[in-house]
Every structure is written in structure tokens, then in C-alpha cells.
Amino acid sequence: MKISQLYQKIRVMYYQYILSNTRIQGDFEILSPTLFYTLKGGQICIENEVYLGYFPSLYFYSGSNHIDVRGGGW
């Protein structure tokens, strides 16, 4: 594994497990750091065959995604 791939994997885990305030469900792939946030402490479910991030994108190693759920679900 290259150093850049290891660096990105650490960033993804840091955002998912340390910075996010909710857990997520689903069989999807996170390629770039993604912050998952809910106001009311709900759960985020993402369907299969979803990719968060794309390589090679312009800010792949310095940018991040943000998924914010403000309303209630079902």
C-alpha cells in the first residue's frame, strides 16, 4: 500500500469514527473523508453501490464530504 493510500484511509476513518456524531448503515464505499452529522441523533442509511468520493478528483487528498441530516425520517 502506498503512503498516499494509507494517509487517505486514516483520514476516512478519522472522519467516520471520531468527528461524526452518528453511525451509518449500508454496503457502500467511502473513498474520501465524509462527515456524517444529525441534529436529532438519528441513523443514516445509504443504499448499495454508492461511492462517496472519486479518485482522481481535484481535492481528493485535501477535501472532504459532509452529509447533514436535519429533519426526521420515517
N, C-alpha and C. Protein backbone atom coordinates (compact mmCIF):
# COMPACT_ATOMS: atom_id res chain seq x y z
N MET A 1 0.84 -1.18 0.00
CA MET A 1 0.00 0.00 0.00
C MET A 1 0.89 1.24 0.00
N LYS A 2 0.54 2.17 -0.85
CA LYS A 2 1.31 3.41 -0.94
C LYS A 2 1.01 4.31 0.26
N ILE A 3 1.91 5.23 0.52
CA ILE A 3 1.74 6.16 1.64
C ILE A 3 0.51 7.03 1.42
N SER A 4 0.24 7.46 0.20
CA SER A 4 -0.93 8.30 -0.07
C SER A 4 -2.23 7.53 0.19
N GLN A 5 -2.27 6.25 -0.13
CA GLN A 5 -3.46 5.45 0.13
C GLN A 5 -3.67 5.25 1.63
N LEU A 6 -2.60 5.01 2.36
CA LEU A 6 -2.68 4.86 3.81
C LEU A 6 -3.13 6.16 4.46
N TYR A 7 -2.59 7.28 4.00
CA TYR A 7 -2.99 8.60 4.51
C TYR A 7 -4.49 8.83 4.30
N GLN A 8 -4.98 8.51 3.11
CA GLN A 8 -6.40 8.71 2.82
C GLN A 8 -7.27 7.78 3.67
N LYS A 9 -6.86 6.56 3.87
CA LYS A 9 -7.61 5.61 4.67
C LYS A 9 -7.70 6.07 6.13
N ILE A 10 -6.63 6.62 6.66
CA ILE A 10 -6.63 7.16 8.03
C ILE A 10 -7.57 8.35 8.12
N ARG A 11 -7.55 9.23 7.13
CA ARG A 11 -8.45 10.39 7.12
C ARG A 11 -9.91 9.94 7.08
N VAL A 12 -10.24 8.94 6.27
CA VAL A 12 -11.60 8.44 6.17
C VAL A 12 -12.06 7.88 7.51
N MET A 13 -11.23 7.10 8.17
CA MET A 13 -11.58 6.52 9.46
C MET A 13 -11.72 7.61 10.53
N TYR A 14 -10.87 8.61 10.52
CA TYR A 14 -10.94 9.70 11.49
C TYR A 14 -12.26 10.46 11.37
N TYR A 15 -12.65 10.78 10.15
CA TYR A 15 -13.91 11.48 9.94
C TYR A 15 -15.11 10.61 10.32
N GLN A 16 -15.07 9.34 9.96
CA GLN A 16 -16.21 8.45 10.20
C GLN A 16 -16.39 8.10 11.68
N TYR A 17 -15.30 7.82 12.39
CA TYR A 17 -15.42 7.32 13.75
C TYR A 17 -15.17 8.36 14.84
N ILE A 18 -14.44 9.43 14.55
CA ILE A 18 -14.12 10.42 15.57
C ILE A 18 -14.98 11.68 15.41
N LEU A 19 -15.07 12.24 14.22
CA LEU A 19 -15.76 13.51 14.02
C LEU A 19 -17.27 13.38 13.83
N SER A 20 -17.73 12.27 13.28
CA SER A 20 -19.17 12.10 13.03
C SER A 20 -19.90 11.80 14.32
N ASN A 21 -21.15 12.30 14.43
CA ASN A 21 -21.91 12.07 15.66
C ASN A 21 -22.98 10.99 15.50
N THR A 22 -22.99 10.27 14.40
CA THR A 22 -23.95 9.21 14.18
C THR A 22 -23.29 8.05 13.45
N ARG A 23 -23.91 6.92 13.55
CA ARG A 23 -23.41 5.74 12.84
C ARG A 23 -24.19 5.58 11.55
N ILE A 24 -23.61 4.91 10.60
CA ILE A 24 -24.23 4.75 9.30
C ILE A 24 -24.40 3.28 9.00
N GLN A 25 -25.40 2.97 8.19
CA GLN A 25 -25.67 1.60 7.76
C GLN A 25 -25.66 1.54 6.25
N GLY A 26 -25.26 0.40 5.72
CA GLY A 26 -25.30 0.19 4.28
C GLY A 26 -24.02 -0.44 3.78
N ASP A 27 -24.13 -0.98 2.59
CA ASP A 27 -22.98 -1.61 1.95
C ASP A 27 -22.51 -0.67 0.83
N PHE A 28 -21.71 0.31 1.21
CA PHE A 28 -21.22 1.31 0.26
C PHE A 28 -19.75 1.54 0.54
N GLU A 29 -19.12 2.35 -0.30
CA GLU A 29 -17.68 2.56 -0.17
C GLU A 29 -17.38 4.05 0.02
N ILE A 30 -16.57 4.34 1.02
CA ILE A 30 -16.16 5.72 1.28
C ILE A 30 -14.72 5.88 0.78
N LEU A 31 -14.54 6.70 -0.24
CA LEU A 31 -13.22 6.91 -0.83
C LEU A 31 -12.55 8.18 -0.33
N SER A 32 -13.34 9.17 0.06
CA SER A 32 -12.77 10.40 0.60
C SER A 32 -13.45 10.69 1.95
N PRO A 33 -12.80 11.41 2.84
CA PRO A 33 -13.34 11.66 4.18
C PRO A 33 -14.74 12.26 4.12
N THR A 34 -15.65 11.70 4.91
CA THR A 34 -17.03 12.14 4.91
C THR A 34 -17.49 12.32 6.35
N LEU A 35 -18.01 13.49 6.65
CA LEU A 35 -18.55 13.79 7.97
C LEU A 35 -20.05 13.50 7.94
N PHE A 36 -20.52 12.65 8.83
CA PHE A 36 -21.93 12.31 8.95
C PHE A 36 -22.45 12.99 10.21
N TYR A 37 -23.49 13.82 10.06
CA TYR A 37 -23.98 14.61 11.19
C TYR A 37 -25.50 14.63 11.20
N THR A 38 -26.09 14.44 12.38
CA THR A 38 -27.53 14.57 12.54
C THR A 38 -27.82 15.45 13.76
N LEU A 39 -28.85 16.26 13.66
CA LEU A 39 -29.22 17.12 14.78
C LEU A 39 -29.94 16.36 15.88
N LYS A 40 -30.83 15.46 15.51
CA LYS A 40 -31.66 14.77 16.49
C LYS A 40 -31.16 13.38 16.82
N GLY A 41 -29.97 13.03 16.43
CA GLY A 41 -29.38 11.74 16.78
C GLY A 41 -30.02 10.55 16.09
N GLY A 42 -30.32 10.69 14.83
CA GLY A 42 -30.91 9.60 14.07
C GLY A 42 -29.84 8.69 13.51
N GLN A 43 -30.23 7.92 12.52
CA GLN A 43 -29.32 6.99 11.87
C GLN A 43 -29.33 7.28 10.38
N ILE A 44 -28.21 7.14 9.73
CA ILE A 44 -28.11 7.38 8.30
C ILE A 44 -27.95 6.05 7.59
N CYS A 45 -28.85 5.77 6.65
CA CYS A 45 -28.80 4.53 5.87
C CYS A 45 -28.53 4.89 4.41
N ILE A 46 -27.51 4.26 3.84
CA ILE A 46 -27.12 4.52 2.45
C ILE A 46 -27.21 3.20 1.70
N GLU A 47 -27.79 3.23 0.52
CA GLU A 47 -28.00 2.03 -0.27
C GLU A 47 -26.69 1.45 -0.80
N ASN A 48 -26.81 0.30 -1.43
CA ASN A 48 -25.66 -0.40 -2.02
C ASN A 48 -25.19 0.32 -3.28
N GLU A 49 -23.98 0.02 -3.68
CA GLU A 49 -23.35 0.53 -4.90
C GLU A 49 -23.26 2.06 -4.92
N VAL A 50 -23.00 2.65 -3.75
CA VAL A 50 -22.79 4.09 -3.63
C VAL A 50 -21.33 4.34 -3.31
N TYR A 51 -20.71 5.29 -3.98
CA TYR A 51 -19.33 5.67 -3.73
C TYR A 51 -19.30 7.12 -3.28
N LEU A 52 -18.71 7.38 -2.12
CA LEU A 52 -18.56 8.75 -1.63
C LEU A 52 -17.12 9.17 -1.90
N GLY A 53 -16.93 9.99 -2.90
CA GLY A 53 -15.61 10.41 -3.33
C GLY A 53 -15.24 9.77 -4.65
N TYR A 54 -14.28 10.37 -5.32
CA TYR A 54 -13.84 9.87 -6.62
C TYR A 54 -12.35 10.15 -6.78
N PHE A 55 -11.60 9.13 -7.19
CA PHE A 55 -10.19 9.30 -7.49
C PHE A 55 -10.01 9.17 -8.99
N PRO A 56 -9.32 10.01 -9.66
CA PRO A 56 -8.61 11.20 -9.22
C PRO A 56 -9.49 12.44 -9.35
N SER A 57 -9.80 13.06 -8.25
CA SER A 57 -10.50 14.34 -8.28
C SER A 57 -9.55 15.43 -7.80
N LEU A 58 -9.92 16.65 -8.03
CA LEU A 58 -9.02 17.77 -7.79
C LEU A 58 -8.56 17.88 -6.33
N TYR A 59 -9.48 17.75 -5.39
CA TYR A 59 -9.13 17.88 -3.96
C TYR A 59 -9.28 16.55 -3.23
N PHE A 60 -8.90 15.45 -3.85
CA PHE A 60 -9.08 14.13 -3.26
C PHE A 60 -8.34 13.98 -1.94
N TYR A 61 -7.13 14.49 -1.84
CA TYR A 61 -6.32 14.33 -0.62
C TYR A 61 -6.46 15.49 0.36
N SER A 62 -7.17 16.56 -0.01
CA SER A 62 -7.29 17.68 0.92
C SER A 62 -8.74 18.04 1.24
N GLY A 63 -9.69 17.58 0.45
CA GLY A 63 -11.09 17.93 0.66
C GLY A 63 -11.83 16.87 1.47
N SER A 64 -13.12 17.14 1.70
CA SER A 64 -13.96 16.18 2.41
C SER A 64 -15.41 16.37 2.01
N ASN A 65 -16.25 15.38 2.32
CA ASN A 65 -17.68 15.44 2.08
C ASN A 65 -18.39 15.70 3.41
N HIS A 66 -19.62 16.19 3.33
CA HIS A 66 -20.39 16.46 4.54
C HIS A 66 -21.84 16.05 4.26
N ILE A 67 -22.35 15.08 5.02
CA ILE A 67 -23.75 14.67 4.93
C ILE A 67 -24.41 15.07 6.22
N ASP A 68 -25.39 15.97 6.10
CA ASP A 68 -26.04 16.57 7.27
C ASP A 68 -27.53 16.27 7.19
N VAL A 69 -28.06 15.59 8.19
CA VAL A 69 -29.49 15.27 8.25
C VAL A 69 -30.13 16.18 9.28
N ARG A 70 -31.05 17.03 8.84
CA ARG A 70 -31.67 18.00 9.76
C ARG A 70 -33.09 17.64 10.12
N GLY A 71 -33.80 16.98 9.26
CA GLY A 71 -35.19 16.63 9.52
C GLY A 71 -35.31 15.18 9.99
N GLY A 72 -36.51 14.80 10.33
CA GLY A 72 -36.75 13.43 10.75
C GLY A 72 -36.94 12.51 9.56
N GLY A 73 -36.85 11.26 9.79
CA GLY A 73 -37.04 10.26 8.75
C GLY A 73 -38.34 9.53 8.95
N TRP A 74 -38.45 8.36 8.45
CA TRP A 74 -39.66 7.57 8.62
C TRP A 74 -39.59 6.85 9.92
